[in-house]
PDB file of N, CA and C in Angstrom:
ATOM      1  N   ALA A   1      -6.597  10.832  15.637  1.00  0.00           N
ATOM      2  CA  ALA A   1      -7.892   9.706  15.480  1.00  0.00           C
ATOM      3  C   ALA A   1      -7.616   8.568  14.932  1.00  0.00           C
ATOM      4  N   VAL A   2      -7.744   7.502  15.636  1.00  0.00           N
ATOM      5  CA  VAL A   2      -7.621   6.310  15.302  1.00  0.00           C
ATOM      6  C   VAL A   2      -8.637   5.758  14.523  1.00  0.00           C
ATOM      7  N   ARG A   3      -8.562   5.349  13.324  1.00  0.00           N
ATOM      8  CA  ARG A   3      -9.177   4.667  12.136  1.00  0.00           C
ATOM      9  C   ARG A   3      -9.019   3.391  11.846  1.00  0.00           C
ATOM     10  N   VAL A   4     -10.318   2.681  11.580  1.00  0.00           N
ATOM     11  CA  VAL A   4     -10.257   1.374  10.960  1.00  0.00           C
ATOM     12  C   VAL A   4     -10.528   1.677   9.234  1.00  0.00           C
ATOM     13  N   LEU A   5      -9.680   1.219   8.518  1.00  0.00           N
ATOM     14  CA  LEU A   5      -9.520   1.578   7.043  1.00  0.00           C
ATOM     15  C   LEU A   5      -9.760   0.346   6.755  1.00  0.00           C
ATOM     16  N   GLN A   6     -10.928   0.109   5.336  1.00  0.00           N
ATOM     17  CA  GLN A   6     -11.422  -1.139   4.851  1.00  0.00           C
ATOM     18  C   GLN A   6     -11.466  -1.097   3.437  1.00  0.00           C
ATOM     19  N   ALA A   7     -11.194  -2.049   2.854  1.00  0.00           N
ATOM     20  CA  ALA A   7     -11.128  -2.173   0.967  1.00  0.00           C
ATOM     21  C   ALA A   7     -11.585  -3.434   0.968  1.00  0.00           C
ATOM     22  N   GLY A   8     -12.583  -4.249   0.613  1.00  0.00           N
ATOM     23  CA  GLY A   8     -12.853  -5.617   0.489  1.00  0.00           C
ATOM     24  C   GLY A   8     -12.541  -6.208   1.604  1.00  0.00           C
ATOM     25  N   ASP A   9     -11.803  -7.104   1.288  1.00  0.00           N
ATOM     26  CA  ASP A   9     -11.561  -8.168   2.443  1.00  0.00           C
ATOM     27  C   ASP A   9     -10.081  -7.586   3.161  1.00  0.00           C
ATOM     28  N   LEU A  10      -9.669  -6.362   2.688  1.00  0.00           N
ATOM     29  CA  LEU A  10      -8.556  -5.754   3.382  1.00  0.00           C
ATOM     30  C   LEU A  10      -8.800  -4.676   4.558  1.00  0.00           C
ATOM     31  N   VAL A  11      -8.374  -5.075   5.828  1.00  0.00           N
ATOM     32  CA  VAL A  11      -8.838  -4.076   7.043  1.00  0.00           C
ATOM     33  C   VAL A  11      -7.461  -3.788   7.508  1.00  0.00           C
ATOM     34  N   MET A  12      -7.414  -2.417   7.657  1.00  0.00           N
ATOM     35  CA  MET A  12      -6.177  -1.718   8.539  1.00  0.00           C
ATOM     36  C   MET A  12      -6.758  -1.162   9.561  1.00  0.00           C
ATOM     37  N   ASP A  13      -6.302  -1.517  11.132  1.00  0.00           N
ATOM     38  CA  ASP A  13      -6.904  -1.035  12.074  1.00  0.00           C
ATOM     39  C   ASP A  13      -5.609  -0.167  12.628  1.00  0.00           C
ATOM     40  N   GLN A  14      -5.616   0.972  12.567  1.00  0.00           N
ATOM     41  CA  GLN A  14      -4.441   1.930  12.872  1.00  0.00           C
ATOM     42  C   GLN A  14      -4.161   2.063  14.460  1.00  0.00           C
ATOM     43  N   GLY A  15      -5.321   1.866  15.151  1.00  0.00           N
ATOM     44  CA  GLY A  15      -4.946   2.044  16.633  1.00  0.00           C
ATOM     45  C   GLY A  15      -4.504   0.537  16.963  1.00  0.00           C
ATOM     46  N   ARG A  16      -4.566  -0.289  16.510  1.00  0.00           N
ATOM     47  CA  ARG A  16      -3.651  -1.923  16.949  1.00  0.00           C
ATOM     48  C   ARG A  16      -2.704  -1.989  15.978  1.00  0.00           C
ATOM     49  N   HIS A  17      -2.497  -0.915  14.740  1.00  0.00           N
ATOM     50  CA  HIS A  17      -1.324  -1.219  13.973  1.00  0.00           C
ATOM     51  C   HIS A  17      -1.183  -2.559  13.696  1.00  0.00           C
ATOM     52  N   GLU A  18      -2.405  -2.942  13.207  1.00  0.00           N
ATOM     53  CA  GLU A  18      -2.743  -4.452  12.296  1.00  0.00           C
ATOM     54  C   GLU A  18      -3.293  -4.349  11.006  1.00  0.00           C
ATOM     55  N   VAL A  19      -2.967  -5.345  10.319  1.00  0.00           N
ATOM     56  CA  VAL A  19      -3.471  -5.557   8.851  1.00  0.00           C
ATOM     57  C   VAL A  19      -4.117  -6.630   8.809  1.00  0.00           C
ATOM     58  N   LEU A  20      -5.463  -7.111   8.537  1.00  0.00           N
ATOM     59  CA  LEU A  20      -6.258  -8.151   8.070  1.00  0.00           C
ATOM     60  C   LEU A  20      -6.390  -8.395   6.879  1.00  0.00           C
ATOM     61  N   LEU A  21      -6.541  -9.577   6.302  1.00  0.00           N
ATOM     62  CA  LEU A  21      -6.860  -9.683   4.800  1.00  0.00           C
ATOM     63  C   LEU A  21      -7.741 -11.396   5.390  1.00  0.00           C
ATOM     64  N   LYS A  22      -9.493 -11.121   4.816  1.00  0.00           N
ATOM     65  CA  LYS A  22     -10.084 -12.075   5.157  1.00  0.00           C
ATOM     66  C   LYS A  22     -10.333 -12.543   6.775  1.00  0.00           C
ATOM     67  N   GLY A  23      -9.477 -11.476   7.376  1.00  0.00           N
ATOM     68  CA  GLY A  23     -10.123 -11.899   8.659  1.00  0.00           C
ATOM     69  C   GLY A  23      -8.429 -12.240   9.478  1.00  0.00           C
ATOM     70  N   ALA A  24      -7.603 -12.718   8.573  1.00  0.00           N
ATOM     71  CA  ALA A  24      -6.264 -12.813   9.169  1.00  0.00           C
ATOM     72  C   ALA A  24      -5.388 -12.365   9.320  1.00  0.00           C
ATOM     73  N   THR A  25      -4.388 -12.151  10.150  1.00  0.00           N
ATOM     74  CA  THR A  25      -3.417 -11.214  10.425  1.00  0.00           C
ATOM     75  C   THR A  25      -2.282 -11.179   9.170  1.00  0.00           C
ATOM     76  N   VAL A  26      -1.955 -10.016   8.827  1.00  0.00           N
ATOM     77  CA  VAL A  26      -0.885  -9.926   7.580  1.00  0.00           C
ATOM     78  C   VAL A  26       0.296  -9.306   8.289  1.00  0.00           C
ATOM     79  N   ASP A  27       1.384 -10.177   7.924  1.00  0.00           N
ATOM     80  CA  ASP A  27       2.697  -9.749   8.547  1.00  0.00           C
ATOM     81  C   ASP A  27       3.553  -8.828   7.591  1.00  0.00           C
ATOM     82  N   LEU A  28       3.270  -7.227   7.916  1.00  0.00           N
ATOM     83  CA  LEU A  28       3.792  -6.458   7.158  1.00  0.00           C
ATOM     84  C   LEU A  28       5.319  -5.956   8.103  1.00  0.00           C
ATOM     85  N   THR A  29       6.487  -5.646   7.241  1.00  0.00           N
ATOM     86  CA  THR A  29       7.142  -4.574   7.510  1.00  0.00           C
ATOM     87  C   THR A  29       6.863  -3.449   8.145  1.00  0.00           C
ATOM     88  N   GLN A  30       7.743  -2.762   8.763  1.00  0.00           N
ATOM     89  CA  GLN A  30       7.090  -1.150   9.089  1.00  0.00           C
ATOM     90  C   GLN A  30       6.764  -0.472   7.829  1.00  0.00           C
ATOM     91  N   THR A  31       8.063  -0.721   6.845  1.00  0.00           N
ATOM     92  CA  THR A  31       7.898   0.464   5.829  1.00  0.00           C
ATOM     93  C   THR A  31       6.613  -0.166   4.833  1.00  0.00           C
ATOM     94  N   GLU A  32       6.245  -1.716   4.425  1.00  0.00           N
ATOM     95  CA  GLU A  32       5.096  -2.183   4.216  1.00  0.00           C
ATOM     96  C   GLU A  32       3.719  -1.366   4.729  1.00  0.00           C
ATOM     97  N   TYR A  33       3.706  -1.517   6.052  1.00  0.00           N
ATOM     98  CA  TYR A  33       2.665  -1.065   6.706  1.00  0.00           C
ATOM     99  C   TYR A  33       2.559   0.661   6.480  1.00  0.00           C
ATOM    100  N   ARG A  34       3.650   1.238   6.429  1.00  0.00           N
ATOM    101  CA  ARG A  34       3.716   2.776   6.147  1.00  0.00           C
ATOM    102  C   ARG A  34       2.998   2.964   4.911  1.00  0.00           C
ATOM    103  N   LEU A  35       3.676   2.313   3.731  1.00  0.00           N
ATOM    104  CA  LEU A  35       3.099   2.564   2.467  1.00  0.00           C
ATOM    105  C   LEU A  35       1.617   2.059   2.305  1.00  0.00           C
ATOM    106  N   LEU A  36       1.319   1.308   2.872  1.00  0.00           N
ATOM    107  CA  LEU A  36       0.000   0.683   2.847  1.00  0.00           C
ATOM    108  C   LEU A  36      -1.162   1.835   3.434  1.00  0.00           C
ATOM    109  N   GLU A  37      -0.518   1.932   4.630  1.00  0.00           N
ATOM    110  CA  GLU A  37      -1.526   3.331   5.226  1.00  0.00           C
ATOM    111  C   GLU A  37      -1.581   4.309   4.336  1.00  0.00           C
ATOM    112  N   ILE A  38      -0.699   5.013   3.985  1.00  0.00           N
ATOM    113  CA  ILE A  38      -0.632   6.254   3.094  1.00  0.00           C
ATOM    114  C   ILE A  38      -1.543   5.806   1.852  1.00  0.00           C
ATOM    115  N   LEU A  39      -1.350   4.896   1.100  1.00  0.00           N
ATOM    116  CA  LEU A  39      -2.477   4.405  -0.108  1.00  0.00           C
ATOM    117  C   LEU A  39      -3.830   4.593   0.513  1.00  0.00           C
ATOM    118  N   MET A  40      -4.217   3.712   1.483  1.00  0.00           N
ATOM    119  CA  MET A  40      -5.414   3.384   1.893  1.00  0.00           C
ATOM    120  C   MET A  40      -6.174   4.627   2.423  1.00  0.00           C
ATOM    121  N   THR A  41      -5.162   5.538   2.932  1.00  0.00           N
ATOM    122  CA  THR A  41      -5.711   6.908   3.717  1.00  0.00           C
ATOM    123  C   THR A  41      -6.467   7.593   2.315  1.00  0.00           C
ATOM    124  N   ASN A  42      -5.742   7.360   1.181  1.00  0.00           N
ATOM    125  CA  ASN A  42      -6.116   8.395   0.016  1.00  0.00           C
ATOM    126  C   ASN A  42      -6.206   7.512  -1.193  1.00  0.00           C
ATOM    127  N   PRO A  43      -7.457   6.617  -1.078  1.00  0.00           N
ATOM    128  CA  PRO A  43      -7.752   5.870  -2.163  1.00  0.00           C
ATOM    129  C   PRO A  43      -8.205   6.778  -3.378  1.00  0.00           C
ATOM    130  N   GLY A  44      -7.495   6.137  -4.533  1.00  0.00           N
ATOM    131  CA  GLY A  44      -7.889   6.680  -5.779  1.00  0.00           C
ATOM    132  C   GLY A  44      -6.814   8.022  -6.422  1.00  0.00           C
ATOM    133  N   TYR A  45      -6.242   8.232  -5.216  1.00  0.00           N
ATOM    134  CA  TYR A  45      -5.016   9.445  -5.629  1.00  0.00           C
ATOM    135  C   TYR A  45      -3.720   8.695  -6.065  1.00  0.00           C
ATOM    136  N   ALA A  46      -3.080   9.419  -7.160  1.00  0.00           N
ATOM    137  CA  ALA A  46      -1.968   8.574  -7.864  1.00  0.00           C
ATOM    138  C   ALA A  46      -0.884   9.559  -7.334  1.00  0.00           C
ATOM    139  N   PHE A  47      -0.275   8.564  -6.278  1.00  0.00           N
ATOM    140  CA  PHE A  47       1.219   9.242  -5.435  1.00  0.00           C
ATOM    141  C   PHE A  47       2.332   8.811  -6.871  1.00  0.00           C
ATOM    142  N   THR A  48       3.162   9.718  -6.710  1.00  0.00           N
ATOM    143  CA  THR A  48       4.777   9.574  -7.615  1.00  0.00           C
ATOM    144  C   THR A  48       5.345   8.959  -6.275  1.00  0.00           C
ATOM    145  N   ARG A  49       6.319   8.073  -7.271  1.00  0.00           N
ATOM    146  CA  ARG A  49       7.233   7.176  -6.429  1.00  0.00           C
ATOM    147  C   ARG A  49       7.889   8.066  -5.561  1.00  0.00           C
ATOM    148  N   VAL A  50       8.323   9.373  -5.586  1.00  0.00           N
ATOM    149  CA  VAL A  50       8.960  10.037  -4.707  1.00  0.00           C
ATOM    150  C   VAL A  50       8.114  10.332  -3.580  1.00  0.00           C
ATOM    151  N   ASP A  51       6.863  10.709  -3.999  1.00  0.00           N
ATOM    152  CA  ASP A  51       5.885  11.057  -2.654  1.00  0.00           C
ATOM    153  C   ASP A  51       5.678   9.949  -1.850  1.00  0.00           C
ATOM    154  N   LEU A  52       5.641   9.165  -2.512  1.00  0.00           N
ATOM    155  CA  LEU A  52       5.451   7.802  -1.453  1.00  0.00           C
ATOM    156  C   LEU A  52       6.676   7.571  -0.477  1.00  0.00           C
ATOM    157  N   ILE A  53       7.916   7.852  -1.145  1.00  0.00           N
ATOM    158  CA  ILE A  53       9.064   7.489  -0.436  1.00  0.00           C
ATOM    159  C   ILE A  53       9.150   8.340   0.604  1.00  0.00           C
ATOM    160  N   GLU A  54       8.963   9.673   0.160  1.00  0.00           N
ATOM    161  CA  GLU A  54       9.139  10.639   1.451  1.00  0.00           C
ATOM    162  C   GLU A  54       7.987  10.667   2.486  1.00  0.00           C
ATOM    163  N   GLN A  55       7.171  10.039   2.117  1.00  0.00           N
ATOM    164  CA  GLN A  55       5.954  10.168   3.223  1.00  0.00           C
ATOM    165  C   GLN A  55       5.947   8.800   3.886  1.00  0.00           C
ATOM    166  N   ALA A  56       6.404   7.914   3.678  1.00  0.00           N
ATOM    167  CA  ALA A  56       7.007   6.573   3.925  1.00  0.00           C
ATOM    168  C   ALA A  56       7.989   6.528   4.788  1.00  0.00           C
ATOM    169  N   LEU A  57       9.171   7.042   4.080  1.00  0.00           N
ATOM    170  CA  LEU A  57      10.477   6.983   4.840  1.00  0.00           C
ATOM    171  C   LEU A  57      11.021   8.231   5.545  1.00  0.00           C
ATOM    172  N   GLY A  58      10.572   9.312   4.919  1.00  0.00           N
ATOM    173  CA  GLY A  58      10.720  10.668   5.488  1.00  0.00           C
ATOM    174  C   GLY A  58      11.902  11.105   4.670  1.00  0.00           C
ATOM    175  N   TYR A  59      12.531  10.429   3.940  1.00  0.00           N
ATOM    176  CA  TYR A  59      13.814  10.845   3.096  1.00  0.00           C
ATOM    177  C   TYR A  59      13.729  10.266   1.727  1.00  0.00           C
ATOM    178  N   THR A  60      14.357  10.900   0.679  1.00  0.00           N
ATOM    179  CA  THR A  60      14.694  10.309  -0.456  1.00  0.00           C
ATOM    180  C   THR A  60      15.821  10.330  -0.844  1.00  0.00           C
ATOM    181  N   TYR A  61      16.347   9.479  -1.923  1.00  0.00           N
ATOM    182  CA  TYR A  61      17.473   9.523  -2.467  1.00  0.00           C
ATOM    183  C   TYR A  61      17.821   8.956  -3.796  1.00  0.00           C
ATOM    184  N   GLU A  62      18.714   9.272  -4.458  1.00  0.00           N
ATOM    185  CA  GLU A  62      19.038   8.823  -5.925  1.00  0.00           C
ATOM    186  C   GLU A  62      18.869   6.941  -5.878  1.00  0.00           C
ATOM    187  N   GLY A  63      17.955   6.243  -6.555  1.00  0.00           N
ATOM    188  CA  GLY A  63      18.036   4.968  -6.538  1.00  0.00           C
ATOM    189  C   GLY A  63      17.066   4.316  -5.860  1.00  0.00           C
ATOM    190  N   MET A  64      16.490   5.191  -4.847  1.00  0.00           N
ATOM    191  CA  MET A  64      15.047   4.935  -3.844  1.00  0.00           C
ATOM    192  C   MET A  64      14.040   4.324  -4.723  1.00  0.00           C
ATOM    193  N   GLU A  65      13.867   4.751  -5.740  1.00  0.00           N
ATOM    194  CA  GLU A  65      12.559   4.080  -6.469  1.00  0.00           C
ATOM    195  C   GLU A  65      12.400   2.951  -6.751  1.00  0.00           C
ATOM    196  N   ARG A  66      13.696   2.208  -7.149  1.00  0.00           N
ATOM    197  CA  ARG A  66      13.713   0.756  -7.047  1.00  0.00           C
ATOM    198  C   ARG A  66      13.214  -0.019  -5.912  1.00  0.00           C
ATOM    199  N   THR A  67      13.781   0.859  -4.932  1.00  0.00           N
ATOM    200  CA  THR A  67      13.709   0.141  -3.594  1.00  0.00           C
ATOM    201  C   THR A  67      12.409   0.184  -3.073  1.00  0.00           C
ATOM    202  N   LEU A  68      11.753   1.140  -3.785  1.00  0.00           N
ATOM    203  CA  LEU A  68      10.312   1.398  -3.233  1.00  0.00           C
ATOM    204  C   LEU A  68       9.401   0.178  -4.026  1.00  0.00           C
ATOM    205  N   ASP A  69       9.800  -0.054  -5.435  1.00  0.00           N
ATOM    206  CA  ASP A  69       9.301  -0.636  -6.120  1.00  0.00           C
ATOM    207  C   ASP A  69       9.184  -2.322  -5.513  1.00  0.00           C
ATOM    208  N   SER A  70      10.295  -2.580  -4.858  1.00  0.00           N
ATOM    209  CA  SER A  70      10.653  -3.720  -4.063  1.00  0.00           C
ATOM    210  C   SER A  70       9.405  -3.895  -3.016  1.00  0.00           C
ATOM    211  N   HIS A  71       9.420  -3.010  -2.431  1.00  0.00           N
ATOM    212  CA  HIS A  71       8.376  -2.719  -1.180  1.00  0.00           C
ATOM    213  C   HIS A  71       7.170  -2.857  -1.717  1.00  0.00           C
ATOM    214  N   ILE A  72       6.400  -2.599  -2.866  1.00  0.00           N
ATOM    215  CA  ILE A  72       5.202  -2.523  -3.494  1.00  0.00           C
ATOM    216  C   ILE A  72       4.973  -3.869  -3.720  1.00  0.00           C
ATOM    217  N   LYS A  73       6.063  -4.685  -4.440  1.00  0.00           N
ATOM    218  CA  LYS A  73       6.202  -5.959  -4.749  1.00  0.00           C
ATOM    219  C   LYS A  73       5.526  -6.903  -4.036  1.00  0.00           C
ATOM    220  N   ASN A  74       6.545  -6.611  -2.586  1.00  0.00           N
ATOM    221  CA  ASN A  74       6.538  -7.458  -1.409  1.00  0.00           C
ATOM    222  C   ASN A  74       4.767  -7.409  -0.870  1.00  0.00           C
ATOM    223  N   LEU A  75       4.718  -6.265  -0.717  1.00  0.00           N
ATOM    224  CA  LEU A  75       3.311  -5.621  -0.015  1.00  0.00           C
ATOM    225  C   LEU A  75       1.851  -6.490  -1.130  1.00  0.00           C
ATOM    226  N   ARG A  76       2.199  -6.395  -2.268  1.00  0.00           N
ATOM    227  CA  ARG A  76       1.215  -6.947  -3.145  1.00  0.00           C
ATOM    228  C   ARG A  76       1.234  -8.658  -2.793  1.00  0.00           C
ATOM    229  N   LYS A  77       2.316  -9.089  -2.774  1.00  0.00           N
ATOM    230  CA  LYS A  77       2.327 -10.453  -2.321  1.00  0.00           C
ATOM    231  C   LYS A  77       1.592 -10.864  -1.347  1.00  0.00           C
ATOM    232  N   LYS A  78       1.602 -10.084  -0.404  1.00  0.00           N
ATOM    233  CA  LYS A  78       1.140 -10.203   1.028  1.00  0.00           C
ATOM    234  C   LYS A  78      -0.568  -9.918   0.876  1.00  0.00           C
ATOM    235  N   ILE A  79      -0.961  -9.147   0.263  1.00  0.00           N
ATOM    236  CA  ILE A  79      -2.414  -8.610   0.265  1.00  0.00           C
ATOM    237  C   ILE A  79      -3.244  -8.752  -0.813  1.00  0.00           C
ATOM    238  N   GLU A  80      -2.624  -9.060  -1.913  1.00  0.00           N
ATOM    239  CA  GLU A  80      -3.484  -9.278  -3.222  1.00  0.00           C
ATOM    240  C   GLU A  80      -3.834 -10.487  -3.742  1.00  0.00           C
ATOM    241  N   PRO A  81      -4.902 -11.001  -4.103  1.00  0.00           N
ATOM    242  CA  PRO A  81      -5.593 -12.277  -4.396  1.00  0.00           C
ATOM    243  C   PRO A  81      -4.677 -12.682  -5.292  1.00  0.00           C
ATOM    244  N   ASP A  82      -4.444 -11.977  -6.276  1.00  0.00           N
ATOM    245  CA  ASP A  82      -3.514 -12.208  -7.528  1.00  0.00           C
ATOM    246  C   ASP A  82      -2.424 -11.132  -7.652  1.00  0.00           C
ATOM    247  N   ALA A  83      -0.941 -11.108  -7.594  1.00  0.00           N
ATOM    248  CA  ALA A  83      -0.478  -9.973  -7.221  1.00  0.00           C
ATOM    249  C   ALA A  83       0.307  -9.536  -8.898  1.00  0.00           C
ATOM    250  N   LYS A  84      -0.172 -10.631  -9.715  1.00  0.00           N
ATOM    251  CA  LYS A  84       0.034 -10.003 -11.067  1.00  0.00           C
ATOM    252  C   LYS A  84      -1.024  -9.091 -11.427  1.00  0.00           C
ATOM    253  N   GLN A  85      -2.489  -9.348 -11.243  1.00  0.00           N
ATOM    254  CA  GLN A  85      -3.364  -8.768 -11.594  1.00  0.00           C
ATOM    255  C   GLN A  85      -4.026  -8.111 -10.221  1.00  0.00           C
ATOM    256  N   PRO A  86      -3.160  -6.878  -9.646  1.00  0.00           N
ATOM    257  CA  PRO A  86      -3.644  -6.477  -8.472  1.00  0.00           C
ATOM    258  C   PRO A  86      -4.828  -5.649  -8.380  1.00  0.00           C
ATOM    259  N   THR A  87      -5.807  -6.334  -6.907  1.00  0.00           N
ATOM    260  CA  THR A  87      -6.975  -5.585  -6.960  1.00  0.00           C
ATOM    261  C   THR A  87      -6.843  -4.371  -6.099  1.00  0.00           C
ATOM    262  N   TYR A  88      -6.185  -3.879  -5.173  1.00  0.00           N
ATOM    263  CA  TYR A  88      -6.041  -2.942  -4.636  1.00  0.00           C
ATOM    264  C   TYR A  88      -4.740  -1.773  -4.937  1.00  0.00           C
ATOM    265  N   ILE A  89      -3.246  -2.292  -5.161  1.00  0.00           N
ATOM    266  CA  ILE A  89      -2.649  -1.595  -5.374  1.00  0.00           C
ATOM    267  C   ILE A  89      -2.202  -1.649  -6.841  1.00  0.00           C
ATOM    268  N   HIS A  90      -2.685  -0.450  -7.585  1.00  0.00           N
ATOM    269  CA  HIS A  90      -2.187  -0.294  -8.963  1.00  0.00           C
ATOM    270  C   HIS A  90      -1.071   0.617  -9.546  1.00  0.00           C
ATOM    271  N   THR A  91      -0.246   0.140 -10.755  1.00  0.00           N
ATOM    272  CA  THR A  91       0.498   0.990 -10.952  1.00  0.00           C
ATOM    273  C   THR A  91      -0.159   2.106 -11.830  1.00  0.00           C
ATOM    274  N   VAL A  92       0.391   2.964 -11.677  1.00  0.00           N
ATOM    275  CA  VAL A  92      -0.131   4.322 -12.755  1.00  0.00           C
ATOM    276  C   VAL A  92       1.218   4.674 -13.471  1.00  0.00           C
ATOM    277  N   TYR A  93       1.213   3.747 -15.074  1.00  0.00           N
ATOM    278  CA  TYR A  93       2.511   4.296 -15.564  1.00  0.00           C
ATOM    279  C   TYR A  93       2.964   5.628 -15.797  1.00  0.00           C
ATOM    280  N   GLY A  94       4.330   5.729 -15.423  1.00  0.00           N
ATOM    281  CA  GLY A  94       5.018   7.241 -15.879  1.00  0.00           C
ATOM    282  C   GLY A  94       4.746   8.056 -14.270  1.00  0.00           C
ATOM    283  N   VAL A  95       3.974   7.533 -13.545  1.00  0.00           N
ATOM    284  CA  VAL A  95       3.566   8.402 -12.216  1.00  0.00           C
ATOM    285  C   VAL A  95       3.860   7.666 -10.980  1.00  0.00           C
ATOM    286  N   GLY A  96       3.111   6.570 -10.554  1.00  0.00           N
ATOM    287  CA  GLY A  96       3.881   5.899  -9.376  1.00  0.00           C
ATOM    288  C   GLY A  96       2.875   4.531  -9.047  1.00  0.00           C
ATOM    289  N   TYR A  97       2.061   5.022  -8.012  1.00  0.00           N
ATOM    290  CA  TYR A  97       0.774   3.731  -7.512  1.00  0.00           C
ATOM    291  C   TYR A  97      -0.251   4.616  -6.991  1.00  0.00           C
ATOM    292  N   ARG A  98      -1.136   3.828  -7.063  1.00  0.00           N
ATOM    293  CA  ARG A  98      -2.756   4.419  -6.667  1.00  0.00           C
ATOM    294  C   ARG A  98      -3.423   3.193  -5.545  1.00  0.00           C
ATOM    295  N   PHE A  99      -4.206   3.506  -4.871  1.00  0.00           N
ATOM    296  CA  PHE A  99      -4.885   2.508  -4.292  1.00  0.00           C
ATOM    297  C   PHE A  99      -6.493   2.580  -4.462  1.00  0.00           C
ATOM    298  N   ASP A 100      -6.812   1.226  -4.832  1.00  0.00           N
ATOM    299  CA  ASP A 100      -8.134   1.268  -5.507  1.00  0.00           C
ATOM    300  C   ASP A 100      -8.908   0.456  -4.235  1.00  0.00           C
ATOM    301  N   GLU A 101     -10.212   0.601  -4.127  1.00  0.00           N
ATOM    302  CA  GLU A 101     -11.120   0.085  -3.116  1.00  0.00           C
ATOM    303  C   GLU A 101     -11.202  -1.289  -3.262  1.00  0.00           C
ATOM    304  N   GLY A 102     -10.590  -2.197  -4.173  1.00  0.00           N
ATOM    305  CA  GLY A 102     -10.861  -3.368  -4.340  1.00  0.00           C
ATOM    306  C   GLY A 102     -12.174  -3.827  -5.073  1.00  0.00           C
ATOM    307  N   ARG A 103     -12.427  -2.898  -5.869  1.00  0.00           N
ATOM    308  CA  ARG A 103     -13.456  -2.937  -7.034  1.00  0.00           C
ATOM    309  C   ARG A 103     -12.988  -3.928  -7.936  1.00  0.00           C
ATOM    310  N   GLU A 104     -14.027  -4.680  -8.640  1.00  0.00           N
ATOM    311  CA  GLU A 104     -13.221  -5.528  -9.940  1.00  0.00           C
ATOM    312  C   GLU A 104     -13.367  -4.531 -10.943  1.00  0.00           C
ATOM    313  N   ARG A 105     -12.426  -4.552 -11.886  1.00  0.00           N
ATOM    314  CA  ARG A 105     -12.244  -3.836 -13.000  1.00  0.00           C
ATOM    315  C   ARG A 105     -12.811  -4.515 -14.006  1.00  0.00           C
TER     316      ARG A 105
END
């Protein structure tokens, strides 16, 4: 089922394989798109790094967690109003990452 996911100013149109922020297209890599899709589809759920890697990339190997952190960092730069104080993608210390609906904390 084609879905349009929305959180605050962030919109993902799965049918068009497109992400918009405040109406402007966000240019994401395939991996960034997949990570965002997994996170947005499960708001509030804390994913471990391994879960995200396996779901986004379909495989995992030693050292992959640092690569994931890089993807998340790049994704935050593209979608967060302030990458240092994320609105959408939160770090869950000792676990991994969680997507929030863009509510103010």
